[in-house]
Amino acid sequence: MLDKLQNIMDVACKWGNKSMGTSIQFPKPTKKSMVSSAFSSGIISSVMTFYGLLFKNIWVLLFGGIGIISSVFIYRQSEKND
């Protein structure tokens, strides 16, 4: 899925470069940056989930759970990019 997003951004940058005469490139994330992003997102999301459970705040719990799912998705995508 991230590959499709990167392809869309590449096409948009090429179109913009051609239209405006610029040379902008969309950076490709490295495996190291994706793993560190997944790790930091997982820690923050875990803290949010714990806070939501502890103080019975449903919205913080919901966003923490979504963040954990997102960090797992990012980590799995980094393993595919080997």
N, C-alpha and C. Protein backbone atom coordinates (compact mmCIF):
# COMPACT_ATOMS: atom_id res chain seq x y z
N MET A 1 0.82 -1.19 0.00
CA MET A 1 0.00 0.00 0.00
C MET A 1 0.87 1.26 0.00
N LEU A 2 1.94 1.24 0.77
CA LEU A 2 2.83 2.40 0.77
C LEU A 2 3.52 2.55 -0.58
N ASP A 3 3.72 1.42 -1.27
CA ASP A 3 4.32 1.49 -2.61
C ASP A 3 3.43 2.27 -3.56
N LYS A 4 2.11 2.04 -3.47
CA LYS A 4 1.16 2.77 -4.32
C LYS A 4 1.19 4.26 -4.01
N LEU A 5 1.26 4.59 -2.72
CA LEU A 5 1.32 6.00 -2.31
C LEU A 5 2.59 6.65 -2.83
N GLN A 6 3.71 5.94 -2.77
CA GLN A 6 4.97 6.48 -3.27
C GLN A 6 4.91 6.69 -4.78
N ASN A 7 4.28 5.74 -5.48
CA ASN A 7 4.14 5.90 -6.93
C ASN A 7 3.27 7.10 -7.29
N ILE A 8 2.20 7.31 -6.54
CA ILE A 8 1.32 8.46 -6.78
C ILE A 8 2.08 9.75 -6.55
N MET A 9 2.87 9.80 -5.48
CA MET A 9 3.65 11.01 -5.18
C MET A 9 4.72 11.25 -6.25
N ASP A 10 5.32 10.18 -6.75
CA ASP A 10 6.31 10.33 -7.82
C ASP A 10 5.68 10.92 -9.08
N VAL A 11 4.50 10.42 -9.43
CA VAL A 11 3.80 10.92 -10.60
C VAL A 11 3.42 12.39 -10.40
N ALA A 12 2.95 12.73 -9.19
CA ALA A 12 2.58 14.12 -8.91
C ALA A 12 3.79 15.04 -8.97
N CYS A 13 4.92 14.58 -8.45
CA CYS A 13 6.15 15.39 -8.51
C CYS A 13 6.62 15.58 -9.95
N LYS A 14 6.56 14.51 -10.74
CA LYS A 14 6.97 14.62 -12.15
C LYS A 14 6.07 15.60 -12.90
N TRP A 15 4.76 15.52 -12.64
CA TRP A 15 3.82 16.44 -13.29
C TRP A 15 4.10 17.88 -12.87
N GLY A 16 4.32 18.08 -11.57
CA GLY A 16 4.62 19.42 -11.07
C GLY A 16 5.93 19.95 -11.62
N ASN A 17 6.93 19.09 -11.69
CA ASN A 17 8.22 19.50 -12.24
C ASN A 17 8.10 19.90 -13.71
N LYS A 18 7.33 19.12 -14.45
CA LYS A 18 7.15 19.43 -15.87
C LYS A 18 6.36 20.71 -16.06
N SER A 19 5.34 20.91 -15.25
CA SER A 19 4.47 22.08 -15.39
C SER A 19 5.17 23.37 -14.96
N MET A 20 5.95 23.30 -13.89
CA MET A 20 6.54 24.51 -13.31
C MET A 20 8.02 24.67 -13.60
N GLY A 21 8.62 23.67 -14.21
CA GLY A 21 10.04 23.76 -14.52
C GLY A 21 10.94 23.63 -13.30
N THR A 22 10.51 22.85 -12.31
CA THR A 22 11.30 22.65 -11.10
C THR A 22 11.87 21.23 -11.09
N SER A 23 12.62 20.90 -10.07
CA SER A 23 13.17 19.54 -9.95
C SER A 23 13.00 19.02 -8.52
N ILE A 24 11.76 18.85 -8.12
CA ILE A 24 11.44 18.35 -6.78
C ILE A 24 11.28 16.84 -6.86
N GLN A 25 11.87 16.12 -5.90
CA GLN A 25 11.73 14.68 -5.82
C GLN A 25 11.17 14.30 -4.45
N PHE A 26 10.29 13.33 -4.44
CA PHE A 26 9.70 12.82 -3.21
C PHE A 26 10.68 11.81 -2.61
N PRO A 27 11.13 12.02 -1.37
CA PRO A 27 12.14 11.11 -0.80
C PRO A 27 11.55 9.74 -0.46
N LYS A 28 12.31 8.71 -0.68
CA LYS A 28 11.92 7.35 -0.33
C LYS A 28 12.43 7.04 1.07
N PRO A 29 11.58 6.54 1.95
CA PRO A 29 12.04 6.24 3.31
C PRO A 29 12.95 5.01 3.32
N THR A 30 13.95 5.04 4.16
CA THR A 30 14.84 3.89 4.31
C THR A 30 14.25 2.93 5.34
N LYS A 31 14.79 1.72 5.38
CA LYS A 31 14.30 0.74 6.35
C LYS A 31 14.54 1.24 7.78
N LYS A 32 15.70 1.85 8.00
CA LYS A 32 16.04 2.34 9.34
C LYS A 32 15.05 3.42 9.79
N SER A 33 14.69 4.34 8.90
CA SER A 33 13.75 5.40 9.28
C SER A 33 12.35 4.84 9.53
N MET A 34 11.96 3.83 8.75
CA MET A 34 10.64 3.23 8.96
C MET A 34 10.57 2.46 10.27
N VAL A 35 11.64 1.76 10.62
CA VAL A 35 11.67 1.01 11.88
C VAL A 35 11.66 1.96 13.07
N SER A 36 12.44 3.03 12.99
CA SER A 36 12.45 3.99 14.11
C SER A 36 11.11 4.70 14.23
N SER A 37 10.45 4.96 13.12
CA SER A 37 9.12 5.57 13.15
C SER A 37 8.10 4.62 13.79
N ALA A 38 8.17 3.34 13.41
CA ALA A 38 7.25 2.36 13.99
C ALA A 38 7.50 2.20 15.49
N PHE A 39 8.77 2.20 15.89
CA PHE A 39 9.11 2.04 17.30
C PHE A 39 8.61 3.22 18.14
N SER A 40 8.89 4.44 17.67
CA SER A 40 8.46 5.61 18.44
C SER A 40 6.94 5.74 18.45
N SER A 41 6.31 5.45 17.35
CA SER A 41 4.84 5.49 17.29
C SER A 41 4.23 4.44 18.22
N GLY A 42 4.86 3.27 18.28
CA GLY A 42 4.36 2.22 19.16
C GLY A 42 4.45 2.60 20.63
N ILE A 43 5.55 3.24 21.01
CA ILE A 43 5.71 3.66 22.41
C ILE A 43 4.67 4.72 22.77
N ILE A 44 4.53 5.73 21.94
CA ILE A 44 3.57 6.80 22.22
C ILE A 44 2.14 6.26 22.24
N SER A 45 1.83 5.38 21.30
CA SER A 45 0.48 4.81 21.24
C SER A 45 0.20 3.92 22.44
N SER A 46 1.21 3.19 22.89
CA SER A 46 1.02 2.34 24.07
C SER A 46 0.74 3.18 25.32
N VAL A 47 1.45 4.29 25.45
CA VAL A 47 1.22 5.20 26.58
C VAL A 47 -0.19 5.78 26.50
N MET A 48 -0.60 6.17 25.28
CA MET A 48 -1.96 6.71 25.13
C MET A 48 -3.01 5.66 25.48
N THR A 49 -2.80 4.42 25.05
CA THR A 49 -3.75 3.35 25.35
C THR A 49 -3.82 3.10 26.85
N PHE A 50 -2.68 3.06 27.50
CA PHE A 50 -2.65 2.86 28.95
C PHE A 50 -3.36 4.00 29.67
N TYR A 51 -3.11 5.24 29.23
CA TYR A 51 -3.77 6.40 29.83
C TYR A 51 -5.29 6.31 29.64
N GLY A 52 -5.71 5.93 28.43
CA GLY A 52 -7.13 5.80 28.15
C GLY A 52 -7.80 4.75 29.01
N LEU A 53 -7.09 3.65 29.24
CA LEU A 53 -7.64 2.60 30.10
C LEU A 53 -7.67 3.03 31.56
N LEU A 54 -6.61 3.68 32.00
CA LEU A 54 -6.49 4.06 33.40
C LEU A 54 -7.53 5.11 33.79
N PHE A 55 -7.73 6.11 32.94
CA PHE A 55 -8.65 7.20 33.27
C PHE A 55 -9.99 7.11 32.54
N LYS A 56 -10.24 5.97 31.90
CA LYS A 56 -11.51 5.70 31.23
C LYS A 56 -11.88 6.80 30.24
N ASN A 57 -10.89 7.21 29.46
CA ASN A 57 -11.10 8.20 28.42
C ASN A 57 -11.14 7.45 27.09
N ILE A 58 -12.34 7.29 26.53
CA ILE A 58 -12.53 6.45 25.36
C ILE A 58 -11.82 6.98 24.11
N TRP A 59 -11.77 8.31 23.95
CA TRP A 59 -11.14 8.88 22.76
C TRP A 59 -9.63 8.68 22.75
N VAL A 60 -9.01 8.84 23.90
CA VAL A 60 -7.56 8.61 24.00
C VAL A 60 -7.27 7.13 23.78
N LEU A 61 -8.11 6.26 24.33
CA LEU A 61 -7.96 4.83 24.13
C LEU A 61 -8.10 4.46 22.65
N LEU A 62 -9.07 5.06 21.98
CA LEU A 62 -9.29 4.79 20.56
C LEU A 62 -8.10 5.23 19.72
N PHE A 63 -7.61 6.44 19.94
CA PHE A 63 -6.47 6.93 19.18
C PHE A 63 -5.20 6.14 19.49
N GLY A 64 -5.04 5.71 20.72
CA GLY A 64 -3.90 4.88 21.08
C GLY A 64 -3.94 3.53 20.36
N GLY A 65 -5.12 2.94 20.30
CA GLY A 65 -5.27 1.67 19.58
C GLY A 65 -5.01 1.81 18.10
N ILE A 66 -5.50 2.89 17.51
CA ILE A 66 -5.25 3.15 16.09
C ILE A 66 -3.75 3.36 15.86
N GLY A 67 -3.09 4.04 16.77
CA GLY A 67 -1.65 4.26 16.65
C GLY A 67 -0.86 2.97 16.72
N ILE A 68 -1.28 2.06 17.59
CA ILE A 68 -0.60 0.76 17.68
C ILE A 68 -0.76 -0.02 16.38
N ILE A 69 -1.97 -0.01 15.84
CA ILE A 69 -2.21 -0.68 14.55
C ILE A 69 -1.35 -0.06 13.47
N SER A 70 -1.25 1.25 13.47
CA SER A 70 -0.43 1.96 12.48
C SER A 70 1.04 1.60 12.61
N SER A 71 1.55 1.51 13.83
CA SER A 71 2.96 1.19 14.02
C SER A 71 3.26 -0.24 13.58
N VAL A 72 2.33 -1.16 13.82
CA VAL A 72 2.51 -2.53 13.34
C VAL A 72 2.53 -2.56 11.82
N PHE A 73 1.64 -1.80 11.18
CA PHE A 73 1.59 -1.73 9.73
C PHE A 73 2.89 -1.16 9.15
N ILE A 74 3.40 -0.10 9.76
CA ILE A 74 4.64 0.51 9.28
C ILE A 74 5.81 -0.47 9.43
N TYR A 75 5.86 -1.19 10.54
CA TYR A 75 6.95 -2.14 10.75
C TYR A 75 6.88 -3.28 9.73
N ARG A 76 5.69 -3.80 9.47
CA ARG A 76 5.54 -4.88 8.49
C ARG A 76 5.92 -4.39 7.10
N GLN A 77 5.60 -3.15 6.79
CA GLN A 77 5.96 -2.59 5.49
C GLN A 77 7.48 -2.42 5.38
N SER A 78 8.14 -2.09 6.48
CA SER A 78 9.60 -1.95 6.44
C SER A 78 10.27 -3.29 6.18
N GLU A 79 9.69 -4.38 6.66
CA GLU A 79 10.26 -5.70 6.41
C GLU A 79 10.07 -6.11 4.96
N LYS A 80 9.01 -5.65 4.31
CA LYS A 80 8.78 -5.96 2.90
C LYS A 80 9.76 -5.24 2.00
N ASN A 81 10.28 -4.09 2.46
CA ASN A 81 11.19 -3.27 1.65
C ASN A 81 12.63 -3.76 1.71
N ASP A 82 12.88 -4.95 2.18
CA ASP A 82 14.26 -5.47 2.25
C ASP A 82 14.89 -5.59 0.91
